[in-house]
PDB file of N, CA and C in Angstrom:
ATOM      1  N   MET A   1    -112.752 -79.905 150.913  1.00  0.00           N
ATOM      2  CA  MET A   1    -111.819 -78.925 150.400  1.00  0.00           C
ATOM      3  C   MET A   1    -110.449 -79.557 150.240  1.00  0.00           C
ATOM      4  N   TYR A   2    -109.705 -79.050 149.321  1.00  0.00           N
ATOM      5  CA  TYR A   2    -108.379 -79.563 149.055  1.00  0.00           C
ATOM      6  C   TYR A   2    -107.362 -78.709 149.803  1.00  0.00           C
ATOM      7  N   PHE A   3    -106.593 -79.328 150.662  1.00  0.00           N
ATOM      8  CA  PHE A   3    -105.560 -78.620 151.411  1.00  0.00           C
ATOM      9  C   PHE A   3    -104.167 -79.130 151.051  1.00  0.00           C
ATOM     10  N   GLY A   4    -104.036 -79.910 149.992  1.00  0.00           N
ATOM     11  CA  GLY A   4    -102.743 -80.443 149.611  1.00  0.00           C
ATOM     12  C   GLY A   4    -102.361 -81.681 150.382  1.00  0.00           C
ATOM     13  N   TYR A   5    -103.336 -82.352 150.986  1.00  0.00           N
ATOM     14  CA  TYR A   5    -103.060 -83.516 151.830  1.00  0.00           C
ATOM     15  C   TYR A   5    -103.151 -84.839 151.079  1.00  0.00           C
ATOM     16  N   GLN A   6    -103.373 -84.808 149.767  1.00  0.00           N
ATOM     17  CA  GLN A   6    -103.599 -86.060 149.050  1.00  0.00           C
ATOM     18  C   GLN A   6    -102.377 -86.971 149.041  1.00  0.00           C
ATOM     19  N   THR A   7    -101.184 -86.448 149.214  1.00  0.00           N
ATOM     20  CA  THR A   7     -99.983 -87.285 149.222  1.00  0.00           C
ATOM     21  C   THR A   7     -99.533 -87.655 150.635  1.00  0.00           C
ATOM     22  N   MET A   8    -100.314 -87.294 151.626  1.00  0.00           N
ATOM     23  CA  MET A   8     -99.928 -87.563 153.013  1.00  0.00           C
ATOM     24  C   MET A   8     -99.766 -89.053 153.273  1.00  0.00           C
ATOM     25  N   TRP A   9    -100.552 -89.868 152.624  1.00  0.00           N
ATOM     26  CA  TRP A   9    -100.492 -91.313 152.855  1.00  0.00           C
ATOM     27  C   TRP A   9     -99.192 -91.933 152.352  1.00  0.00           C
ATOM     28  N   THR A  10     -98.449 -91.224 151.497  1.00  0.00           N
ATOM     29  CA  THR A  10     -97.200 -91.777 150.982  1.00  0.00           C
ATOM     30  C   THR A  10     -96.099 -91.824 152.038  1.00  0.00           C
ATOM     31  N   TYR A  11     -96.270 -91.094 153.131  1.00  0.00           N
ATOM     32  CA  TYR A  11     -95.357 -91.215 154.273  1.00  0.00           C
ATOM     33  C   TYR A  11     -95.801 -92.458 155.036  1.00  0.00           C
ATOM     34  N   THR A  12     -95.020 -93.488 154.980  1.00  0.00           N
ATOM     35  CA  THR A  12     -95.418 -94.811 155.460  1.00  0.00           C
ATOM     36  C   THR A  12     -95.877 -94.810 156.905  1.00  0.00           C
ATOM     37  N   PHE A  13     -95.294 -93.968 157.742  1.00  0.00           N
ATOM     38  CA  PHE A  13     -95.663 -93.985 159.154  1.00  0.00           C
ATOM     39  C   PHE A  13     -97.099 -93.515 159.386  1.00  0.00           C
ATOM     40  N   VAL A  14     -97.675 -92.762 158.479  1.00  0.00           N
ATOM     41  CA  VAL A  14     -99.051 -92.273 158.650  1.00  0.00           C
ATOM     42  C   VAL A  14    -100.063 -93.415 158.522  1.00  0.00           C
ATOM     43  N   PRO A  15    -100.048 -94.206 157.442  1.00  0.00           N
ATOM     44  CA  PRO A  15    -101.007 -95.323 157.396  1.00  0.00           C
ATOM     45  C   PRO A  15    -100.736 -96.391 158.446  1.00  0.00           C
ATOM     46  N   ILE A  16     -99.469 -96.577 158.818  1.00  0.00           N
ATOM     47  CA  ILE A  16     -99.172 -97.538 159.887  1.00  0.00           C
ATOM     48  C   ILE A  16     -99.835 -97.089 161.183  1.00  0.00           C
ATOM     49  N   ALA A  17     -99.708 -95.814 161.502  1.00  0.00           N
ATOM     50  CA  ALA A  17    -100.327 -95.284 162.720  1.00  0.00           C
ATOM     51  C   ALA A  17    -101.849 -95.374 162.641  1.00  0.00           C
ATOM     52  N   PHE A  18    -102.411 -95.100 161.486  1.00  0.00           N
ATOM     53  CA  PHE A  18    -103.860 -95.189 161.321  1.00  0.00           C
ATOM     54  C   PHE A  18    -104.348 -96.615 161.578  1.00  0.00           C
ATOM     55  N   VAL A  19    -103.685 -97.580 160.962  1.00  0.00           N
ATOM     56  CA  VAL A  19    -104.069 -98.979 161.148  1.00  0.00           C
ATOM     57  C   VAL A  19    -103.903 -99.380 162.609  1.00  0.00           C
ATOM     58  N   LEU A  20    -102.839 -98.953 163.236  1.00  0.00           N
ATOM     59  CA  LEU A  20    -102.610 -99.269 164.647  1.00  0.00           C
ATOM     60  C   LEU A  20    -103.719 -98.714 165.528  1.00  0.00           C
ATOM     61  N   VAL A  21    -104.085 -97.465 165.325  1.00  0.00           N
ATOM     62  CA  VAL A  21    -105.131 -96.838 166.138  1.00  0.00           C
ATOM     63  C   VAL A  21    -106.475 -97.525 165.905  1.00  0.00           C
ATOM     64  N   MET A  22    -106.815 -97.800 164.665  1.00  0.00           N
ATOM     65  CA  MET A  22    -108.085 -98.469 164.380  1.00  0.00           C
ATOM     66  C   MET A  22    -108.113 -99.886 164.951  1.00  0.00           C
ATOM     67  N   LEU A  23    -107.024-100.608 164.798  1.00  0.00           N
ATOM     68  CA  LEU A  23    -106.942-101.974 165.298  1.00  0.00           C
ATOM     69  C   LEU A  23    -107.106-102.019 166.816  1.00  0.00           C
ATOM     70  N   VAL A  24    -106.383-101.174 167.516  1.00  0.00           N
ATOM     71  CA  VAL A  24    -106.459-101.168 168.978  1.00  0.00           C
ATOM     72  C   VAL A  24    -107.826-100.675 169.439  1.00  0.00           C
ATOM     73  N   GLY A  25    -108.363 -99.653 168.797  1.00  0.00           N
ATOM     74  CA  GLY A  25    -109.678 -99.143 169.182  1.00  0.00           C
ATOM     75  C   GLY A  25    -110.773-100.185 169.028  1.00  0.00           C
ATOM     76  N   ILE A  26    -110.769-100.867 167.907  1.00  0.00           N
ATOM     77  CA  ILE A  26    -111.770-101.919 167.681  1.00  0.00           C
ATOM     78  C   ILE A  26    -111.541-103.082 168.633  1.00  0.00           C
ATOM     79  N   ALA A  27    -110.282-103.431 168.862  1.00  0.00           N
ATOM     80  CA  ALA A  27    -109.978-104.529 169.791  1.00  0.00           C
ATOM     81  C   ALA A  27    -110.455-104.199 171.203  1.00  0.00           C
ATOM     82  N   LEU A  28    -110.327-102.953 171.620  1.00  0.00           N
ATOM     83  CA  LEU A  28    -110.819-102.571 172.945  1.00  0.00           C
ATOM     84  C   LEU A  28    -112.339-102.690 173.027  1.00  0.00           C
ATOM     85  N   GLY A  29    -113.010-102.543 171.914  1.00  0.00           N
ATOM     86  CA  GLY A  29    -114.455-102.743 171.898  1.00  0.00           C
ATOM     87  C   GLY A  29    -114.850-104.192 172.162  1.00  0.00           C
ATOM     88  N   PHE A  30    -113.963-105.107 171.863  1.00  0.00           N
ATOM     89  CA  PHE A  30    -114.229-106.524 172.085  1.00  0.00           C
ATOM     90  C   PHE A  30    -113.992-106.962 173.529  1.00  0.00           C
ATOM     91  N   VAL A  31    -113.651-106.025 174.395  1.00  0.00           N
ATOM     92  CA  VAL A  31    -113.496-106.354 175.821  1.00  0.00           C
ATOM     93  C   VAL A  31    -114.794-106.944 176.369  1.00  0.00           C
ATOM     94  N   TYR A  32    -115.915-106.435 175.906  1.00  0.00           N
ATOM     95  CA  TYR A  32    -117.210-106.935 176.367  1.00  0.00           C
ATOM     96  C   TYR A  32    -117.397-108.404 175.984  1.00  0.00           C
ATOM     97  N   ALA A  33    -117.024-108.764 174.776  1.00  0.00           N
ATOM     98  CA  ALA A  33    -117.163-110.148 174.327  1.00  0.00           C
ATOM     99  C   ALA A  33    -116.218-111.069 175.090  1.00  0.00           C
ATOM    100  N   VAL A  34    -115.006-110.609 175.313  1.00  0.00           N
ATOM    101  CA  VAL A  34    -114.045-111.415 176.069  1.00  0.00           C
ATOM    102  C   VAL A  34    -114.535-111.593 177.503  1.00  0.00           C
ATOM    103  N   GLY A  35    -115.059-110.533 178.090  1.00  0.00           N
ATOM    104  CA  GLY A  35    -115.577-110.622 179.447  1.00  0.00           C
ATOM    105  C   GLY A  35    -116.760-111.554 179.560  1.00  0.00           C
ATOM    106  N   ALA A  36    -117.638-111.532 178.580  1.00  0.00           N
ATOM    107  CA  ALA A  36    -118.805-112.417 178.608  1.00  0.00           C
ATOM    108  C   ALA A  36    -118.400-113.878 178.429  1.00  0.00           C
ATOM    109  N   ALA A  37    -117.394-114.110 177.618  1.00  0.00           N
ATOM    110  CA  ALA A  37    -116.993-115.487 177.332  1.00  0.00           C
ATOM    111  C   ALA A  37    -116.037-116.065 178.368  1.00  0.00           C
ATOM    112  N   ARG A  38    -115.125-115.238 178.887  1.00  0.00           N
ATOM    113  CA  ARG A  38    -114.055-115.776 179.727  1.00  0.00           C
ATOM    114  C   ARG A  38    -113.945-115.137 181.101  1.00  0.00           C
ATOM    115  N   GLY A  39    -114.736-114.121 181.378  1.00  0.00           N
ATOM    116  CA  GLY A  39    -114.707-113.486 182.692  1.00  0.00           C
ATOM    117  C   GLY A  39    -113.958-112.161 182.681  1.00  0.00           C
ATOM    118  N   LYS A  40    -114.131-111.440 183.791  1.00  0.00           N
ATOM    119  CA  LYS A  40    -113.571-110.095 183.885  1.00  0.00           C
ATOM    120  C   LYS A  40    -112.051-110.077 183.964  1.00  0.00           C
ATOM    121  N   ARG A  41    -111.464-111.043 184.603  1.00  0.00           N
ATOM    122  CA  ARG A  41    -109.993-111.057 184.676  1.00  0.00           C
ATOM    123  C   ARG A  41    -109.386-111.222 183.291  1.00  0.00           C
ATOM    124  N   ALA A  42    -109.967-112.090 182.500  1.00  0.00           N
ATOM    125  CA  ALA A  42    -109.489-112.264 181.121  1.00  0.00           C
ATOM    126  C   ALA A  42    -109.706-110.982 180.324  1.00  0.00           C
ATOM    127  N   ALA A  43    -110.826-110.316 180.536  1.00  0.00           N
ATOM    128  CA  ALA A  43    -111.095-109.053 179.844  1.00  0.00           C
ATOM    129  C   ALA A  43    -110.097-107.982 180.256  1.00  0.00           C
ATOM    130  N   ALA A  44    -109.742-107.951 181.534  1.00  0.00           N
ATOM    131  CA  ALA A  44    -108.758-106.973 182.010  1.00  0.00           C
ATOM    132  C   ALA A  44    -107.384-107.245 181.390  1.00  0.00           C
ATOM    133  N   ARG A  45    -106.987-108.508 181.333  1.00  0.00           N
ATOM    134  CA  ARG A  45    -105.703-108.856 180.699  1.00  0.00           C
ATOM    135  C   ARG A  45    -105.729-108.520 179.206  1.00  0.00           C
ATOM    136  N   TYR A  46    -106.845-108.815 178.574  1.00  0.00           N
ATOM    137  CA  TYR A  46    -107.018-108.518 177.151  1.00  0.00           C
ATOM    138  C   TYR A  46    -106.846-107.019 176.889  1.00  0.00           C
ATOM    139  N   ALA A  47    -107.503-106.187 177.685  1.00  0.00           N
ATOM    140  CA  ALA A  47    -107.396-104.734 177.521  1.00  0.00           C
ATOM    141  C   ALA A  47    -105.974-104.262 177.788  1.00  0.00           C
ATOM    142  N   GLN A  48    -105.334-104.855 178.780  1.00  0.00           N
ATOM    143  CA  GLN A  48    -103.963-104.473 179.102  1.00  0.00           C
ATOM    144  C   GLN A  48    -103.011-104.818 177.957  1.00  0.00           C
ATOM    145  N   VAL A  49    -103.185-105.981 177.376  1.00  0.00           N
ATOM    146  CA  VAL A  49    -102.336-106.385 176.251  1.00  0.00           C
ATOM    147  C   VAL A  49    -102.493-105.418 175.079  1.00  0.00           C
ATOM    148  N   TRP A  50    -103.727-105.040 174.761  1.00  0.00           N
ATOM    149  CA  TRP A  50    -103.935-104.127 173.640  1.00  0.00           C
ATOM    150  C   TRP A  50    -103.425-102.723 173.945  1.00  0.00           C
ATOM    151  N   THR A  51    -103.441-102.329 175.203  1.00  0.00           N
ATOM    152  CA  THR A  51    -102.853-101.039 175.579  1.00  0.00           C
ATOM    153  C   THR A  51    -101.348-101.071 175.369  1.00  0.00           C
ATOM    154  N   ILE A  52    -100.726-102.177 175.733  1.00  0.00           N
ATOM    155  CA  ILE A  52     -99.286-102.327 175.511  1.00  0.00           C
ATOM    156  C   ILE A  52     -98.974-102.349 174.017  1.00  0.00           C
ATOM    157  N   VAL A  53     -99.803-103.025 173.237  1.00  0.00           N
ATOM    158  CA  VAL A  53     -99.620-103.047 171.777  1.00  0.00           C
ATOM    159  C   VAL A  53     -99.660-101.625 171.224  1.00  0.00           C
ATOM    160  N   LEU A  54    -100.587-100.816 171.715  1.00  0.00           N
ATOM    161  CA  LEU A  54    -100.689 -99.433 171.253  1.00  0.00           C
ATOM    162  C   LEU A  54     -99.432 -98.641 171.596  1.00  0.00           C
ATOM    163  N   ILE A  55     -98.975 -98.751 172.823  1.00  0.00           N
ATOM    164  CA  ILE A  55     -97.807 -97.980 173.254  1.00  0.00           C
ATOM    165  C   ILE A  55     -96.558 -98.407 172.490  1.00  0.00           C
ATOM    166  N   VAL A  56     -96.303 -99.707 172.438  1.00  0.00           N
ATOM    167  CA  VAL A  56     -95.116-100.211 171.736  1.00  0.00           C
ATOM    168  C   VAL A  56     -95.204 -99.907 170.234  1.00  0.00           C
ATOM    169  N   GLY A  57     -96.374-100.108 169.663  1.00  0.00           N
ATOM    170  CA  GLY A  57     -96.553 -99.843 168.234  1.00  0.00           C
ATOM    171  C   GLY A  57     -96.367 -98.377 167.885  1.00  0.00           C
ATOM    172  N   ALA A  58     -96.908 -97.487 168.711  1.00  0.00           N
ATOM    173  CA  ALA A  58     -96.764 -96.056 168.450  1.00  0.00           C
ATOM    174  C   ALA A  58     -95.297 -95.626 168.568  1.00  0.00           C
ATOM    175  N   LEU A  59     -94.624 -96.130 169.579  1.00  0.00           N
ATOM    176  CA  LEU A  59     -93.204 -95.795 169.724  1.00  0.00           C
ATOM    177  C   LEU A  59     -92.380 -96.346 168.570  1.00  0.00           C
ATOM    178  N   ALA A  60     -92.654 -97.575 168.165  1.00  0.00           N
ATOM    179  CA  ALA A  60     -91.930 -98.167 167.033  1.00  0.00           C
ATOM    180  C   ALA A  60     -92.200 -97.390 165.746  1.00  0.00           C
ATOM    181  N   ASP A  61     -93.433 -96.969 165.539  1.00  0.00           N
ATOM    182  CA  ASP A  61     -93.779 -96.192 164.348  1.00  0.00           C
ATOM    183  C   ASP A  61     -93.067 -94.846 164.351  1.00  0.00           C
ATOM    184  N   LEU A  62     -93.029 -94.198 165.496  1.00  0.00           N
ATOM    185  CA  LEU A  62     -92.349 -92.900 165.594  1.00  0.00           C
ATOM    186  C   LEU A  62     -90.846 -93.050 165.373  1.00  0.00           C
ATOM    187  N   VAL A  63     -90.251 -94.069 165.965  1.00  0.00           N
ATOM    188  CA  VAL A  63     -88.818 -94.311 165.760  1.00  0.00           C
ATOM    189  C   VAL A  63     -88.533 -94.593 164.288  1.00  0.00           C
ATOM    190  N   TYR A  64     -89.382 -95.405 163.656  1.00  0.00           N
ATOM    191  CA  TYR A  64     -89.236 -95.695 162.230  1.00  0.00           C
ATOM    192  C   TYR A  64     -89.302 -94.403 161.404  1.00  0.00           C
ATOM    193  N   ALA A  65     -90.259 -93.540 161.736  1.00  0.00           N
ATOM    194  CA  ALA A  65     -90.416 -92.295 160.987  1.00  0.00           C
ATOM    195  C   ALA A  65     -89.196 -91.396 161.133  1.00  0.00           C
ATOM    196  N   VAL A  66     -88.647 -91.336 162.331  1.00  0.00           N
ATOM    197  CA  VAL A  66     -87.473 -90.482 162.560  1.00  0.00           C
ATOM    198  C   VAL A  66     -86.243 -91.056 161.868  1.00  0.00           C
ATOM    199  N   ILE A  67     -86.026 -92.372 162.011  1.00  0.00           N
ATOM    200  CA  ILE A  67     -84.839 -93.003 161.422  1.00  0.00           C
ATOM    201  C   ILE A  67     -84.834 -92.919 159.905  1.00  0.00           C
ATOM    202  N   THR A  68     -85.991 -93.114 159.289  1.00  0.00           N
ATOM    203  CA  THR A  68     -86.054 -93.071 157.825  1.00  0.00           C
ATOM    204  C   THR A  68     -86.076 -91.654 157.266  1.00  0.00           C
ATOM    205  N   GLY A  69     -86.225 -90.670 158.127  1.00  0.00           N
ATOM    206  CA  GLY A  69     -86.265 -89.287 157.668  1.00  0.00           C
ATOM    207  C   GLY A  69     -87.644 -88.828 157.241  1.00  0.00           C
ATOM    208  N   GLN A  70     -88.628 -89.708 157.342  1.00  0.00           N
ATOM    209  CA  GLN A  70     -89.986 -89.333 156.948  1.00  0.00           C
ATOM    210  C   GLN A  70     -90.570 -88.276 157.878  1.00  0.00           C
ATOM    211  N   TRP A  71     -90.205 -88.335 159.150  1.00  0.00           N
ATOM    212  CA  TRP A  71     -90.743 -87.369 160.114  1.00  0.00           C
ATOM    213  C   TRP A  71     -90.340 -85.951 159.724  1.00  0.00           C
ATOM    214  N   ALA A  72     -89.055 -85.739 159.460  1.00  0.00           N
ATOM    215  CA  ALA A  72     -88.574 -84.398 159.090  1.00  0.00           C
ATOM    216  C   ALA A  72     -89.197 -83.943 157.774  1.00  0.00           C
ATOM    217  N   ALA A  73     -89.308 -84.859 156.821  1.00  0.00           N
ATOM    218  CA  ALA A  73     -89.916 -84.499 155.532  1.00  0.00           C
ATOM    219  C   ALA A  73     -91.390 -84.154 155.703  1.00  0.00           C
ATOM    220  N   PHE A  74     -92.090 -84.909 156.545  1.00  0.00           N
ATOM    221  CA  PHE A  74     -93.506 -84.646 156.786  1.00  0.00           C
ATOM    222  C   PHE A  74     -93.698 -83.279 157.440  1.00  0.00           C
ATOM    223  N   ILE A  75     -92.900 -82.992 158.460  1.00  0.00           N
ATOM    224  CA  ILE A  75     -93.022 -81.711 159.164  1.00  0.00           C
ATOM    225  C   ILE A  75     -92.698 -80.554 158.227  1.00  0.00           C
ATOM    226  N   SER A  76     -91.682 -80.714 157.389  1.00  0.00           N
ATOM    227  CA  SER A  76     -91.355 -79.619 156.472  1.00  0.00           C
ATOM    228  C   SER A  76     -92.426 -79.434 155.399  1.00  0.00           C
ATOM    229  N   ALA A  77     -93.089 -80.527 155.004  1.00  0.00           N
ATOM    230  CA  ALA A  77     -94.121 -80.433 153.964  1.00  0.00           C
ATOM    231  C   ALA A  77     -95.450 -79.929 154.504  1.00  0.00           C
ATOM    232  N   TYR A  78     -95.836 -80.383 155.709  1.00  0.00           N
ATOM    233  CA  TYR A  78     -97.181 -80.099 156.216  1.00  0.00           C
ATOM    234  C   TYR A  78     -97.208 -79.258 157.480  1.00  0.00           C
ATOM    235  N   GLY A  79     -96.129 -79.238 158.223  1.00  0.00           N
ATOM    236  CA  GLY A  79     -96.121 -78.494 159.479  1.00  0.00           C
ATOM    237  C   GLY A  79     -96.657 -79.334 160.628  1.00  0.00           C
ATOM    238  N   TRP A  80     -96.801 -78.692 161.776  1.00  0.00           N
ATOM    239  CA  TRP A  80     -97.223 -79.405 162.995  1.00  0.00           C
ATOM    240  C   TRP A  80     -98.735 -79.551 163.131  1.00  0.00           C
ATOM    241  N   THR A  81     -99.505 -78.725 162.447  1.00  0.00           N
ATOM    242  CA  THR A  81    -100.956 -78.755 162.619  1.00  0.00           C
ATOM    243  C   THR A  81    -101.579 -80.114 162.294  1.00  0.00           C
ATOM    244  N   PRO A  82    -101.249 -80.756 161.175  1.00  0.00           N
ATOM    245  CA  PRO A  82    -101.834 -82.078 160.922  1.00  0.00           C
ATOM    246  C   PRO A  82    -101.397 -83.121 161.948  1.00  0.00           C
ATOM    247  N   VAL A  83    -100.173 -82.989 162.456  1.00  0.00           N
ATOM    248  CA  VAL A  83     -99.704 -83.927 163.484  1.00  0.00           C
ATOM    249  C   VAL A  83    -100.571 -83.806 164.729  1.00  0.00           C
ATOM    250  N   PHE A  84    -100.793 -82.577 165.168  1.00  0.00           N
ATOM    251  CA  PHE A  84    -101.628 -82.363 166.353  1.00  0.00           C
ATOM    252  C   PHE A  84    -103.066 -82.813 166.113  1.00  0.00           C
ATOM    253  N   GLU A  85    -103.579 -82.541 164.923  1.00  0.00           N
ATOM    254  CA  GLU A  85    -104.950 -82.940 164.605  1.00  0.00           C
ATOM    255  C   GLU A  85    -105.099 -84.460 164.602  1.00  0.00           C
ATOM    256  N   MET A  86    -104.175 -85.151 163.959  1.00  0.00           N
ATOM    257  CA  MET A  86    -104.247 -86.607 163.922  1.00  0.00           C
ATOM    258  C   MET A  86    -104.054 -87.209 165.314  1.00  0.00           C
ATOM    259  N   ALA A  87    -103.137 -86.638 166.088  1.00  0.00           N
ATOM    260  CA  ALA A  87    -102.907 -87.141 167.446  1.00  0.00           C
ATOM    261  C   ALA A  87    -104.137 -86.914 168.319  1.00  0.00           C
ATOM    262  N   LEU A  88    -104.793 -85.774 168.178  1.00  0.00           N
ATOM    263  CA  LEU A  88    -105.994 -85.494 168.960  1.00  0.00           C
ATOM    264  C   LEU A  88    -107.137 -86.438 168.583  1.00  0.00           C
ATOM    265  N   LEU A  89    -107.343 -86.655 167.295  1.00  0.00           N
ATOM    266  CA  LEU A  89    -108.394 -87.575 166.862  1.00  0.00           C
ATOM    267  C   LEU A  89    -108.119 -89.000 167.334  1.00  0.00           C
ATOM    268  N   ALA A  90    -106.868 -89.426 167.249  1.00  0.00           N
ATOM    269  CA  ALA A  90    -106.500 -90.763 167.728  1.00  0.00           C
ATOM    270  C   ALA A  90    -106.716 -90.870 169.232  1.00  0.00           C
ATOM    271  N   ALA A  91    -106.311 -89.834 169.966  1.00  0.00           N
ATOM    272  CA  ALA A  91    -106.473 -89.852 171.422  1.00  0.00           C
ATOM    273  C   ALA A  91    -107.952 -89.871 171.820  1.00  0.00           C
ATOM    274  N   MET A  92    -108.791 -89.154 171.094  1.00  0.00           N
ATOM    275  CA  MET A  92    -110.214 -89.154 171.409  1.00  0.00           C
ATOM    276  C   MET A  92    -110.831 -90.522 171.145  1.00  0.00           C
ATOM    277  N   PHE A  93    -110.481 -91.144 170.030  1.00  0.00           N
ATOM    278  CA  PHE A  93    -111.031 -92.463 169.710  1.00  0.00           C
ATOM    279  C   PHE A  93    -110.532 -93.520 170.691  1.00  0.00           C
ATOM    280  N   ILE A  94    -109.230 -93.585 170.875  1.00  0.00           N
ATOM    281  CA  ILE A  94    -108.662 -94.566 171.804  1.00  0.00           C
ATOM    282  C   ILE A  94    -109.134 -94.287 173.226  1.00  0.00           C
ATOM    283  N   GLY A  95    -109.187 -93.027 173.600  1.00  0.00           N
ATOM    284  CA  GLY A  95    -109.649 -92.671 174.944  1.00  0.00           C
ATOM    285  C   GLY A  95    -111.073 -93.110 175.205  1.00  0.00           C
ATOM    286  N   ALA A  96    -111.947 -92.904 174.238  1.00  0.00           N
ATOM    287  CA  ALA A  96    -113.342 -93.322 174.408  1.00  0.00           C
ATOM    288  C   ALA A  96    -113.454 -94.837 174.519  1.00  0.00           C
ATOM    289  N   MET A  97    -112.737 -95.539 173.658  1.00  0.00           N
ATOM    290  CA  MET A  97    -112.796 -96.997 173.693  1.00  0.00           C
ATOM    291  C   MET A  97    -112.153 -97.545 174.967  1.00  0.00           C
ATOM    292  N   TRP A  98    -111.059 -96.938 175.391  1.00  0.00           N
ATOM    293  CA  TRP A  98    -110.388 -97.388 176.610  1.00  0.00           C
ATOM    294  C   TRP A  98    -111.261 -97.126 177.838  1.00  0.00           C
ATOM    295  N   MET A  99    -111.941 -95.972 177.881  1.00  0.00           N
ATOM    296  CA  MET A  99    -112.809 -95.671 179.029  1.00  0.00           C
ATOM    297  C   MET A  99    -113.971 -96.654 179.106  1.00  0.00           C
ATOM    298  N   MET A 100    -114.531 -97.034 177.969  1.00  0.00           N
ATOM    299  CA  MET A 100    -115.609 -98.024 177.990  1.00  0.00           C
ATOM    300  C   MET A 100    -115.080 -99.377 178.465  1.00  0.00           C
ATOM    301  N   ALA A 101    -113.932 -99.764 177.989  1.00  0.00           N
ATOM    302  CA  ALA A 101    -113.341-101.039 178.405  1.00  0.00           C
ATOM    303  C   ALA A 101    -112.993-101.012 179.887  1.00  0.00           C
ATOM    304  N   ALA A 102    -112.430 -99.911 180.349  1.00  0.00           N
ATOM    305  CA  ALA A 102    -112.047 -99.793 181.761  1.00  0.00           C
ATOM    306  C   ALA A 102    -113.275 -99.768 182.662  1.00  0.00           C
ATOM    307  N   SER A 103    -114.343 -99.143 182.214  1.00  0.00           N
ATOM    308  CA  SER A 103    -115.553 -99.121 183.038  1.00  0.00           C
ATOM    309  C   SER A 103    -116.175-100.508 183.127  1.00  0.00           C
ATOM    310  N   TYR A 104    -116.088-101.291 182.062  1.00  0.00           N
ATOM    311  CA  TYR A 104    -116.603-102.659 182.104  1.00  0.00           C
ATOM    312  C   TYR A 104    -115.761-103.518 183.034  1.00  0.00           C
ATOM    313  N   VAL A 105    -114.482-103.432 182.903  1.00  0.00           N
ATOM    314  CA  VAL A 105    -113.579-104.241 183.722  1.00  0.00           C
ATOM    315  C   VAL A 105    -113.657-103.834 185.184  1.00  0.00           C
ATOM    316  N   GLY A 106    -113.828-102.542 185.438  1.00  0.00           N
ATOM    317  CA  GLY A 106    -113.852-102.055 186.817  1.00  0.00           C
ATOM    318  C   GLY A 106    -115.203-102.153 187.499  1.00  0.00           C
ATOM    319  N   ASP A 107    -116.265-102.438 186.747  1.00  0.00           N
ATOM    320  CA  ASP A 107    -117.614-102.523 187.322  1.00  0.00           C
ATOM    321  C   ASP A 107    -117.731-103.792 188.169  1.00  0.00           C
ATOM    322  N   LYS A 108    -118.008-103.629 189.459  1.00  0.00           N
ATOM    323  CA  LYS A 108    -118.050-104.770 190.384  1.00  0.00           C
ATOM    324  C   LYS A 108    -119.361-105.567 190.286  1.00  0.00           C
ATOM    325  N   LYS A 109    -120.379-105.038 189.634  1.00  0.00           N
ATOM    326  CA  LYS A 109    -121.674-105.711 189.575  1.00  0.00           C
ATOM    327  C   LYS A 109    -121.702-106.849 188.560  1.00  0.00           C
ATOM    328  N   ARG A 110    -120.806-106.860 187.631  1.00  0.00           N
ATOM    329  CA  ARG A 110    -120.851-107.873 186.567  1.00  0.00           C
ATOM    330  C   ARG A 110    -120.031-109.063 186.913  1.00  0.00           C
TER     331      ARG A 110
END
């Protein structure tokens, strides 16, 4: 269905956030490969680095959106519902990938 969202990608902070979430989520999936190749400590550091990348990247993207005025324009054009929806979907994806990575790193049997 068409909800008028076809121009949403023109707000630069939206595709930046999408790429950031996908990049970090996929990178967290590689914790298993890093752990198999270099050990659990390396896998734990790897996961920690990507978590920091997510936090710093998300904050930088939000600051960029506010400074450029894209945030206010986006909210006035679309409202808060798409923001909450995108944030929830990102949190579910990152949360699932982070929980799998954390369970691998925290498992004492491996």
